[in-house]
Amino acid sequence: MFQETTYPGVVKTGAFSYPDGTKYFGDWNVKGEKHGMGRIKLPDCTRYHGTFLNNLCSGLGVMTFPDGA
């Protein structure tokens, strides 16, 4: 059974591509900060999938580096 989790302060979910090539898909707060559940891919192909709090990786998540570590 799927259980949806909501995070306090989340007002919308969506995607954004930054000029440096960083891509984010996930939840945003009212200030336009990454907040809640999300995925980010950096230009060097480092990836993070997990929770964000006020624009920072926070709590549970998985960081994967380009070399697979």
PDB file of N, CA and C in Angstrom:
ATOM      1  N   MET A   1       0.839  -1.171   0.000  1.00  0.00           N
ATOM      2  CA  MET A   1       0.000   0.000   0.000  1.00  0.00           C
ATOM      3  C   MET A   1       0.892   1.245   0.000  1.00  0.00           C
ATOM      4  N   PHE A   2       0.576   2.208  -0.845  1.00  0.00           N
ATOM      5  CA  PHE A   2       1.323   3.459  -0.941  1.00  0.00           C
ATOM      6  C   PHE A   2       0.821   4.421   0.116  1.00  0.00           C
ATOM      7  N   GLN A   3       1.744   4.996   0.874  1.00  0.00           N
ATOM      8  CA  GLN A   3       1.380   5.992   1.866  1.00  0.00           C
ATOM      9  C   GLN A   3       2.070   7.293   1.510  1.00  0.00           C
ATOM     10  N   GLU A   4       1.293   8.314   1.234  1.00  0.00           N
ATOM     11  CA  GLU A   4       1.852   9.607   0.868  1.00  0.00           C
ATOM     12  C   GLU A   4       2.320  10.333   2.124  1.00  0.00           C
ATOM     13  N   THR A   5       3.499  10.925   2.051  1.00  0.00           N
ATOM     14  CA  THR A   5       4.034  11.700   3.163  1.00  0.00           C
ATOM     15  C   THR A   5       4.027  13.162   2.771  1.00  0.00           C
ATOM     16  N   THR A   6       3.548  13.998   3.659  1.00  0.00           N
ATOM     17  CA  THR A   6       3.606  15.436   3.415  1.00  0.00           C
ATOM     18  C   THR A   6       4.567  16.059   4.409  1.00  0.00           C
ATOM     19  N   TYR A   7       5.228  17.117   3.982  1.00  0.00           N
ATOM     20  CA  TYR A   7       6.201  17.800   4.814  1.00  0.00           C
ATOM     21  C   TYR A   7       5.681  19.194   5.136  1.00  0.00           C
ATOM     22  N   PRO A   8       5.761  19.608   6.396  1.00  0.00           N
ATOM     23  CA  PRO A   8       5.302  20.949   6.759  1.00  0.00           C
ATOM     24  C   PRO A   8       6.044  22.013   5.952  1.00  0.00           C
ATOM     25  N   GLY A   9       5.323  22.986   5.459  1.00  0.00           N
ATOM     26  CA  GLY A   9       5.937  24.079   4.720  1.00  0.00           C
ATOM     27  C   GLY A   9       5.998  23.886   3.221  1.00  0.00           C
ATOM     28  N   VAL A  10       5.666  22.686   2.712  1.00  0.00           N
ATOM     29  CA  VAL A  10       5.688  22.442   1.270  1.00  0.00           C
ATOM     30  C   VAL A  10       4.464  23.089   0.636  1.00  0.00           C
ATOM     31  N   VAL A  11       4.693  23.899  -0.397  1.00  0.00           N
ATOM     32  CA  VAL A  11       3.574  24.543  -1.073  1.00  0.00           C
ATOM     33  C   VAL A  11       3.402  24.084  -2.516  1.00  0.00           C
ATOM     34  N   LYS A  12       4.449  23.532  -3.112  1.00  0.00           N
ATOM     35  CA  LYS A  12       4.311  23.041  -4.484  1.00  0.00           C
ATOM     36  C   LYS A  12       5.404  22.035  -4.802  1.00  0.00           C
ATOM     37  N   THR A  13       5.186  21.282  -5.861  1.00  0.00           N
ATOM     38  CA  THR A  13       6.153  20.312  -6.356  1.00  0.00           C
ATOM     39  C   THR A  13       6.424  20.638  -7.816  1.00  0.00           C
ATOM     40  N   GLY A  14       7.684  20.581  -8.216  1.00  0.00           N
ATOM     41  CA  GLY A  14       8.004  20.871  -9.601  1.00  0.00           C
ATOM     42  C   GLY A  14       9.474  20.686  -9.889  1.00  0.00           C
ATOM     43  N   ALA A  15       9.854  21.037 -11.109  1.00  0.00           N
ATOM     44  CA  ALA A  15      11.230  20.861 -11.571  1.00  0.00           C
ATOM     45  C   ALA A  15      11.827  22.212 -11.942  1.00  0.00           C
ATOM     46  N   PHE A  16      13.162  22.299 -11.816  1.00  0.00           N
ATOM     47  CA  PHE A  16      13.862  23.514 -12.208  1.00  0.00           C
ATOM     48  C   PHE A  16      15.259  23.145 -12.681  1.00  0.00           C
ATOM     49  N   SER A  17      15.689  23.758 -13.781  1.00  0.00           N
ATOM     50  CA  SER A  17      17.053  23.598 -14.297  1.00  0.00           C
ATOM     51  C   SER A  17      17.788  24.915 -14.093  1.00  0.00           C
ATOM     52  N   TYR A  18      18.927  24.853 -13.424  1.00  0.00           N
ATOM     53  CA  TYR A  18      19.728  26.037 -13.139  1.00  0.00           C
ATOM     54  C   TYR A  18      20.698  26.303 -14.286  1.00  0.00           C
ATOM     55  N   PRO A  19      21.161  27.559 -14.448  1.00  0.00           N
ATOM     56  CA  PRO A  19      22.085  27.900 -15.534  1.00  0.00           C
ATOM     57  C   PRO A  19      23.377  27.079 -15.544  1.00  0.00           C
ATOM     58  N   ASP A  20      23.831  26.610 -14.369  1.00  0.00           N
ATOM     59  CA  ASP A  20      25.076  25.830 -14.316  1.00  0.00           C
ATOM     60  C   ASP A  20      24.886  24.366 -14.698  1.00  0.00           C
ATOM     61  N   GLY A  21      23.644  23.959 -15.010  1.00  0.00           N
ATOM     62  CA  GLY A  21      23.365  22.581 -15.393  1.00  0.00           C
ATOM     63  C   GLY A  21      22.760  21.733 -14.292  1.00  0.00           C
ATOM     64  N   THR A  22      22.703  22.255 -13.070  1.00  0.00           N
ATOM     65  CA  THR A  22      22.057  21.548 -11.961  1.00  0.00           C
ATOM     66  C   THR A  22      20.571  21.404 -12.259  1.00  0.00           C
ATOM     67  N   LYS A  23      20.032  20.213 -11.962  1.00  0.00           N
ATOM     68  CA  LYS A  23      18.601  19.965 -12.171  1.00  0.00           C
ATOM     69  C   LYS A  23      17.988  19.474 -10.870  1.00  0.00           C
ATOM     70  N   TYR A  24      16.839  20.039 -10.508  1.00  0.00           N
ATOM     71  CA  TYR A  24      16.136  19.650  -9.284  1.00  0.00           C
ATOM     72  C   TYR A  24      14.689  19.327  -9.615  1.00  0.00           C
ATOM     73  N   PHE A  25      14.190  18.242  -9.025  1.00  0.00           N
ATOM     74  CA  PHE A  25      12.768  17.916  -9.099  1.00  0.00           C
ATOM     75  C   PHE A  25      12.325  17.553  -7.696  1.00  0.00           C
ATOM     76  N   GLY A  26      11.315  18.236  -7.212  1.00  0.00           N
ATOM     77  CA  GLY A  26      10.829  17.911  -5.875  1.00  0.00           C
ATOM     78  C   GLY A  26       9.956  19.009  -5.313  1.00  0.00           C
ATOM     79  N   ASP A  27       9.934  19.063  -3.988  1.00  0.00           N
ATOM     80  CA  ASP A  27       9.067  19.984  -3.261  1.00  0.00           C
ATOM     81  C   ASP A  27       9.764  21.316  -3.012  1.00  0.00           C
ATOM     82  N   TRP A  28       8.945  22.378  -2.932  1.00  0.00           N
ATOM     83  CA  TRP A  28       9.418  23.744  -2.700  1.00  0.00           C
ATOM     84  C   TRP A  28       8.603  24.368  -1.577  1.00  0.00           C
ATOM     85  N   ASN A  29       9.225  25.282  -0.814  1.00  0.00           N
ATOM     86  CA  ASN A  29       8.467  26.012   0.198  1.00  0.00           C
ATOM     87  C   ASN A  29       8.015  27.356  -0.366  1.00  0.00           C
ATOM     88  N   VAL A  30       7.334  28.133   0.455  1.00  0.00           N
ATOM     89  CA  VAL A  30       6.776  29.408   0.018  1.00  0.00           C
ATOM     90  C   VAL A  30       7.867  30.414  -0.379  1.00  0.00           C
ATOM     91  N   LYS A  31       9.099  30.237   0.117  1.00  0.00           N
ATOM     92  CA  LYS A  31      10.212  31.128  -0.229  1.00  0.00           C
ATOM     93  C   LYS A  31      10.928  30.702  -1.509  1.00  0.00           C
ATOM     94  N   GLY A  32      10.457  29.631  -2.155  1.00  0.00           N
ATOM     95  CA  GLY A  32      11.099  29.144  -3.372  1.00  0.00           C
ATOM     96  C   GLY A  32      12.329  28.303  -3.100  1.00  0.00           C
ATOM     97  N   GLU A  33      12.450  27.771  -1.887  1.00  0.00           N
ATOM     98  CA  GLU A  33      13.583  26.926  -1.516  1.00  0.00           C
ATOM     99  C   GLU A  33      13.205  25.453  -1.631  1.00  0.00           C
ATOM    100  N   LYS A  34      14.201  24.631  -1.936  1.00  0.00           N
ATOM    101  CA  LYS A  34      13.991  23.179  -1.946  1.00  0.00           C
ATOM    102  C   LYS A  34      13.625  22.768  -0.525  1.00  0.00           C
ATOM    103  N   HIS A  35      12.493  22.070  -0.365  1.00  0.00           N
ATOM    104  CA  HIS A  35      11.991  21.791   0.980  1.00  0.00           C
ATOM    105  C   HIS A  35      11.030  20.611   0.921  1.00  0.00           C
ATOM    106  N   GLY A  36      11.400  19.503   1.549  1.00  0.00           N
ATOM    107  CA  GLY A  36      10.595  18.282   1.495  1.00  0.00           C
ATOM    108  C   GLY A  36      11.372  17.218   0.741  1.00  0.00           C
ATOM    109  N   MET A  37      10.666  16.399  -0.021  1.00  0.00           N
ATOM    110  CA  MET A  37      11.298  15.317  -0.770  1.00  0.00           C
ATOM    111  C   MET A  37      11.733  15.816  -2.142  1.00  0.00           C
ATOM    112  N   GLY A  38      12.940  15.417  -2.587  1.00  0.00           N
ATOM    113  CA  GLY A  38      13.385  15.853  -3.899  1.00  0.00           C
ATOM    114  C   GLY A  38      14.593  15.087  -4.399  1.00  0.00           C
ATOM    115  N   ARG A  39      14.926  15.372  -5.665  1.00  0.00           N
ATOM    116  CA  ARG A  39      16.097  14.777  -6.325  1.00  0.00           C
ATOM    117  C   ARG A  39      16.862  15.909  -6.993  1.00  0.00           C
ATOM    118  N   ILE A  40      18.181  15.869  -6.855  1.00  0.00           N
ATOM    119  CA  ILE A  40      19.008  16.880  -7.501  1.00  0.00           C
ATOM    120  C   ILE A  40      20.164  16.193  -8.221  1.00  0.00           C
ATOM    121  N   LYS A  41      20.488  16.705  -9.401  1.00  0.00           N
ATOM    122  CA  LYS A  41      21.634  16.209 -10.172  1.00  0.00           C
ATOM    123  C   LYS A  41      22.523  17.406 -10.463  1.00  0.00           C
ATOM    124  N   LEU A  42      23.770  17.322 -10.005  1.00  0.00           N
ATOM    125  CA  LEU A  42      24.734  18.399 -10.199  1.00  0.00           C
ATOM    126  C   LEU A  42      25.447  18.242 -11.540  1.00  0.00           C
ATOM    127  N   PRO A  43      26.092  19.306 -12.039  1.00  0.00           N
ATOM    128  CA  PRO A  43      26.771  19.235 -13.337  1.00  0.00           C
ATOM    129  C   PRO A  43      27.817  18.127 -13.443  1.00  0.00           C
ATOM    130  N   ASP A  44      28.456  17.752 -12.321  1.00  0.00           N
ATOM    131  CA  ASP A  44      29.462  16.683 -12.365  1.00  0.00           C
ATOM    132  C   ASP A  44      28.839  15.290 -12.254  1.00  0.00           C
ATOM    133  N   CYS A  45      27.506  15.212 -12.324  1.00  0.00           N
ATOM    134  CA  CYS A  45      26.710  13.976 -12.243  1.00  0.00           C
ATOM    135  C   CYS A  45      26.576  13.419 -10.823  1.00  0.00           C
ATOM    136  N   THR A  46      26.986  14.173  -9.801  1.00  0.00           N
ATOM    137  CA  THR A  46      26.663  13.807  -8.424  1.00  0.00           C
ATOM    138  C   THR A  46      25.153  13.925  -8.273  1.00  0.00           C
ATOM    139  N   ARG A  47      24.554  12.947  -7.595  1.00  0.00           N
ATOM    140  CA  ARG A  47      23.100  12.937  -7.411  1.00  0.00           C
ATOM    141  C   ARG A  47      22.754  12.793  -5.935  1.00  0.00           C
ATOM    142  N   TYR A  48      21.650  13.425  -5.546  1.00  0.00           N
ATOM    143  CA  TYR A  48      21.110  13.265  -4.199  1.00  0.00           C
ATOM    144  C   TYR A  48      19.614  13.045  -4.335  1.00  0.00           C
ATOM    145  N   HIS A  49      19.114  12.043  -3.616  1.00  0.00           N
ATOM    146  CA  HIS A  49      17.681  11.753  -3.579  1.00  0.00           C
ATOM    147  C   HIS A  49      17.315  11.616  -2.112  1.00  0.00           C
ATOM    148  N   GLY A  50      16.504  12.532  -1.626  1.00  0.00           N
ATOM    149  CA  GLY A  50      16.140  12.492  -0.219  1.00  0.00           C
ATOM    150  C   GLY A  50      15.405  13.748   0.200  1.00  0.00           C
ATOM    151  N   THR A  51      15.546  14.087   1.472  1.00  0.00           N
ATOM    152  CA  THR A  51      14.817  15.232   2.000  1.00  0.00           C
ATOM    153  C   THR A  51      15.690  16.486   2.022  1.00  0.00           C
ATOM    154  N   PHE A  52      15.002  17.610   1.857  1.00  0.00           N
ATOM    155  CA  PHE A  52      15.618  18.930   1.897  1.00  0.00           C
ATOM    156  C   PHE A  52      14.903  19.752   2.961  1.00  0.00           C
ATOM    157  N   LEU A  53      15.640  20.643   3.584  1.00  0.00           N
ATOM    158  CA  LEU A  53      15.075  21.559   4.565  1.00  0.00           C
ATOM    159  C   LEU A  53      15.648  22.938   4.281  1.00  0.00           C
ATOM    160  N   ASN A  54      14.778  23.853   3.869  1.00  0.00           N
ATOM    161  CA  ASN A  54      15.197  25.231   3.575  1.00  0.00           C
ATOM    162  C   ASN A  54      16.414  25.298   2.655  1.00  0.00           C
ATOM    163  N   ASN A  55      16.348  24.571   1.553  1.00  0.00           N
ATOM    164  CA  ASN A  55      17.341  24.594   0.473  1.00  0.00           C
ATOM    165  C   ASN A  55      18.560  23.699   0.705  1.00  0.00           C
ATOM    166  N   LEU A  56      18.639  22.996   1.836  1.00  0.00           N
ATOM    167  CA  LEU A  56      19.799  22.157   2.139  1.00  0.00           C
ATOM    168  C   LEU A  56      19.402  20.691   2.237  1.00  0.00           C
ATOM    169  N   CYS A  57      20.297  19.792   1.826  1.00  0.00           N
ATOM    170  CA  CYS A  57      20.085  18.361   2.043  1.00  0.00           C
ATOM    171  C   CYS A  57      19.989  18.150   3.543  1.00  0.00           C
ATOM    172  N   SER A  58      18.946  17.442   3.978  1.00  0.00           N
ATOM    173  CA  SER A  58      18.721  17.292   5.410  1.00  0.00           C
ATOM    174  C   SER A  58      17.950  16.014   5.681  1.00  0.00           C
ATOM    175  N   GLY A  59      18.350  15.280   6.706  1.00  0.00           N
ATOM    176  CA  GLY A  59      17.620  14.070   7.067  1.00  0.00           C
ATOM    177  C   GLY A  59      18.047  12.891   6.224  1.00  0.00           C
ATOM    178  N   LEU A  60      17.077  12.041   5.895  1.00  0.00           N
ATOM    179  CA  LEU A  60      17.367  10.816   5.148  1.00  0.00           C
ATOM    180  C   LEU A  60      17.558  11.106   3.669  1.00  0.00           C
ATOM    181  N   GLY A  61      18.567  10.465   3.078  1.00  0.00           N
ATOM    182  CA  GLY A  61      18.797  10.620   1.656  1.00  0.00           C
ATOM    183  C   GLY A  61      19.983   9.789   1.210  1.00  0.00           C
ATOM    184  N   VAL A  62      20.121   9.680  -0.102  1.00  0.00           N
ATOM    185  CA  VAL A  62      21.221   8.919  -0.692  1.00  0.00           C
ATOM    186  C   VAL A  62      21.980   9.832  -1.646  1.00  0.00           C
ATOM    187  N   MET A  63      23.289   9.942  -1.430  1.00  0.00           N
ATOM    188  CA  MET A  63      24.169  10.711  -2.304  1.00  0.00           C
ATOM    189  C   MET A  63      24.958   9.711  -3.139  1.00  0.00           C
ATOM    190  N   THR A  64      24.940   9.891  -4.466  1.00  0.00           N
ATOM    191  CA  THR A  64      25.687   9.026  -5.374  1.00  0.00           C
ATOM    192  C   THR A  64      26.663   9.894  -6.160  1.00  0.00           C
ATOM    193  N   PHE A  65      27.921   9.485  -6.172  1.00  0.00           N
ATOM    194  CA  PHE A  65      28.963  10.244  -6.853  1.00  0.00           C
ATOM    195  C   PHE A  65      29.216   9.665  -8.244  1.00  0.00           C
ATOM    196  N   PRO A  66      29.817  10.453  -9.153  1.00  0.00           N
ATOM    197  CA  PRO A  66      30.037   9.991 -10.525  1.00  0.00           C
ATOM    198  C   PRO A  66      30.790   8.667 -10.636  1.00  0.00           C
ATOM    199  N   ASP A  67      31.668   8.370  -9.669  1.00  0.00           N
ATOM    200  CA  ASP A  67      32.420   7.113  -9.717  1.00  0.00           C
ATOM    201  C   ASP A  67      31.634   5.932  -9.151  1.00  0.00           C
ATOM    202  N   GLY A  68      30.375   6.175  -8.776  1.00  0.00           N
ATOM    203  CA  GLY A  68      29.515   5.110  -8.257  1.00  0.00           C
ATOM    204  C   GLY A  68      29.539   4.971  -6.752  1.00  0.00           C
ATOM    205  N   ALA A  69      30.391   5.706  -6.075  1.00  0.00           N
ATOM    206  CA  ALA A  69      30.485   5.630  -4.608  1.00  0.00           C
ATOM    207  C   ALA A  69      29.278   6.262  -3.956  1.00  0.00           C
TER     208      ALA A  69
END
